[in-house]
Amino acid sequence: MENSDFFVGIAQQALWVTALASAPILIPALVAGLLLGMIQAATSINEQTLTFVPKLIVVAAMLAIFGGSILMLIADFTREVFERIPEVLGT
């Protein structure tokens, strides 16, 4: 039973790390898409590239700003999982 609790804990932590790693990219892209959609609705401009290019720029900017911290978060999680392997094996 101890191993199953360990794996459930790792799965929960993995989901949390995934949410923390994706939020700095997804939330600004969502806000940019919402604002651009409102502008398109107000002006009746239905050009697809009008929403794609600004969202692409926002995502690239967020990756440039938060990319290092996202990689450190994922690397720390991976290091922690590998350090806990002997615990699971019982050595």
Protein backbone atom coordinates (compact mmCIF):
# COMPACT_ATOMS: atom_id res chain seq x y z
CA MET A 1 0.00 0.00 0.00
CA GLU A 2 2.88 2.35 0.65
CA ASN A 3 3.97 2.31 -3.00
CA SER A 4 0.47 3.12 -4.22
CA ASP A 5 0.35 6.17 -1.93
CA PHE A 6 3.74 7.20 -3.25
CA PHE A 7 2.60 6.97 -6.88
CA VAL A 8 -0.64 8.82 -6.18
CA GLY A 9 1.39 11.56 -4.50
CA ILE A 10 3.75 11.76 -7.48
CA ALA A 11 0.78 11.93 -9.87
CA GLN A 12 -0.79 14.77 -7.86
CA GLN A 13 2.51 16.62 -7.75
CA ALA A 14 2.99 16.08 -11.50
CA LEU A 15 -0.43 17.58 -12.22
CA TRP A 16 0.35 20.56 -10.00
CA VAL A 17 3.73 21.13 -11.69
CA THR A 18 2.04 20.89 -15.09
CA ALA A 19 -0.53 23.51 -14.08
CA LEU A 20 2.18 25.81 -12.72
CA ALA A 21 4.32 25.36 -15.82
CA SER A 22 1.51 26.02 -18.30
CA ALA A 23 -0.31 28.85 -16.52
CA PRO A 24 2.20 31.64 -17.37
CA ILE A 25 1.73 30.82 -21.05
CA LEU A 26 -1.94 29.89 -21.26
CA ILE A 27 -3.46 32.69 -19.17
CA PRO A 28 -1.94 35.60 -21.15
CA ALA A 29 -2.82 33.83 -24.43
CA LEU A 30 -6.41 33.44 -23.19
CA VAL A 31 -6.63 37.10 -22.21
CA ALA A 32 -5.13 38.23 -25.54
CA GLY A 33 -7.57 36.01 -27.45
CA LEU A 34 -10.51 37.35 -25.47
CA LEU A 35 -9.51 40.98 -26.03
CA LEU A 36 -8.87 40.43 -29.72
CA GLY A 37 -12.18 38.58 -30.07
CA MET A 38 -14.01 41.50 -28.49
CA ILE A 39 -12.25 43.92 -30.84
CA GLN A 40 -13.14 41.75 -33.82
CA ALA A 41 -16.76 41.57 -32.73
CA ALA A 42 -16.95 45.33 -32.26
CA THR A 43 -15.35 46.13 -35.61
CA SER A 44 -16.80 43.19 -37.62
CA ILE A 45 -13.34 42.23 -38.85
CA ASN A 46 -13.20 38.47 -39.39
CA GLU A 47 -9.56 38.05 -40.32
CA GLN A 48 -8.04 34.89 -38.78
CA THR A 49 -4.45 36.17 -38.82
CA LEU A 50 -5.55 39.14 -36.71
CA THR A 51 -5.96 36.83 -33.71
CA PHE A 52 -3.20 34.34 -34.49
CA VAL A 53 -0.23 36.69 -34.81
CA PRO A 54 -0.79 38.70 -31.59
CA LYS A 55 -1.40 35.51 -29.58
CA LEU A 56 1.78 34.04 -31.06
CA ILE A 57 3.69 37.15 -30.00
CA VAL A 58 2.20 36.99 -26.49
CA VAL A 59 3.13 33.32 -26.12
CA ALA A 60 6.67 33.97 -27.37
CA ALA A 61 7.06 36.87 -24.95
CA MET A 62 5.80 34.80 -22.01
CA LEU A 63 8.18 31.99 -22.94
CA ALA A 64 11.04 34.47 -23.05
CA ILE A 65 10.09 35.90 -19.64
CA PHE A 66 9.05 32.73 -17.79
CA GLY A 67 10.86 30.02 -19.76
CA GLY A 68 13.79 29.76 -17.36
CA SER A 69 11.62 29.46 -14.28
CA ILE A 70 9.38 26.89 -15.99
CA LEU A 71 12.42 24.79 -16.89
CA MET A 72 13.74 25.05 -13.33
CA LEU A 73 10.36 23.96 -11.96
CA ILE A 74 10.28 20.91 -14.22
CA ALA A 75 13.94 20.09 -13.54
CA ASP A 76 13.42 20.29 -9.77
CA PHE A 77 10.41 17.99 -9.99
CA THR A 78 12.33 15.50 -12.14
CA ARG A 79 15.31 15.59 -9.78
CA GLU A 80 13.02 14.97 -6.80
CA VAL A 81 11.36 12.00 -8.52
CA PHE A 82 14.73 10.44 -9.35
CA GLU A 83 15.99 11.01 -5.81
CA ARG A 84 12.95 9.16 -4.41
CA ILE A 85 13.46 6.03 -6.57
CA PRO A 86 15.54 4.23 -3.91
CA GLU A 87 12.73 4.88 -1.43
CA VAL A 88 10.29 3.00 -3.65
CA LEU A 89 12.69 0.13 -4.31
CA GLY A 90 13.30 -0.24 -0.58
CA THR A 91 17.09 0.07 -0.63
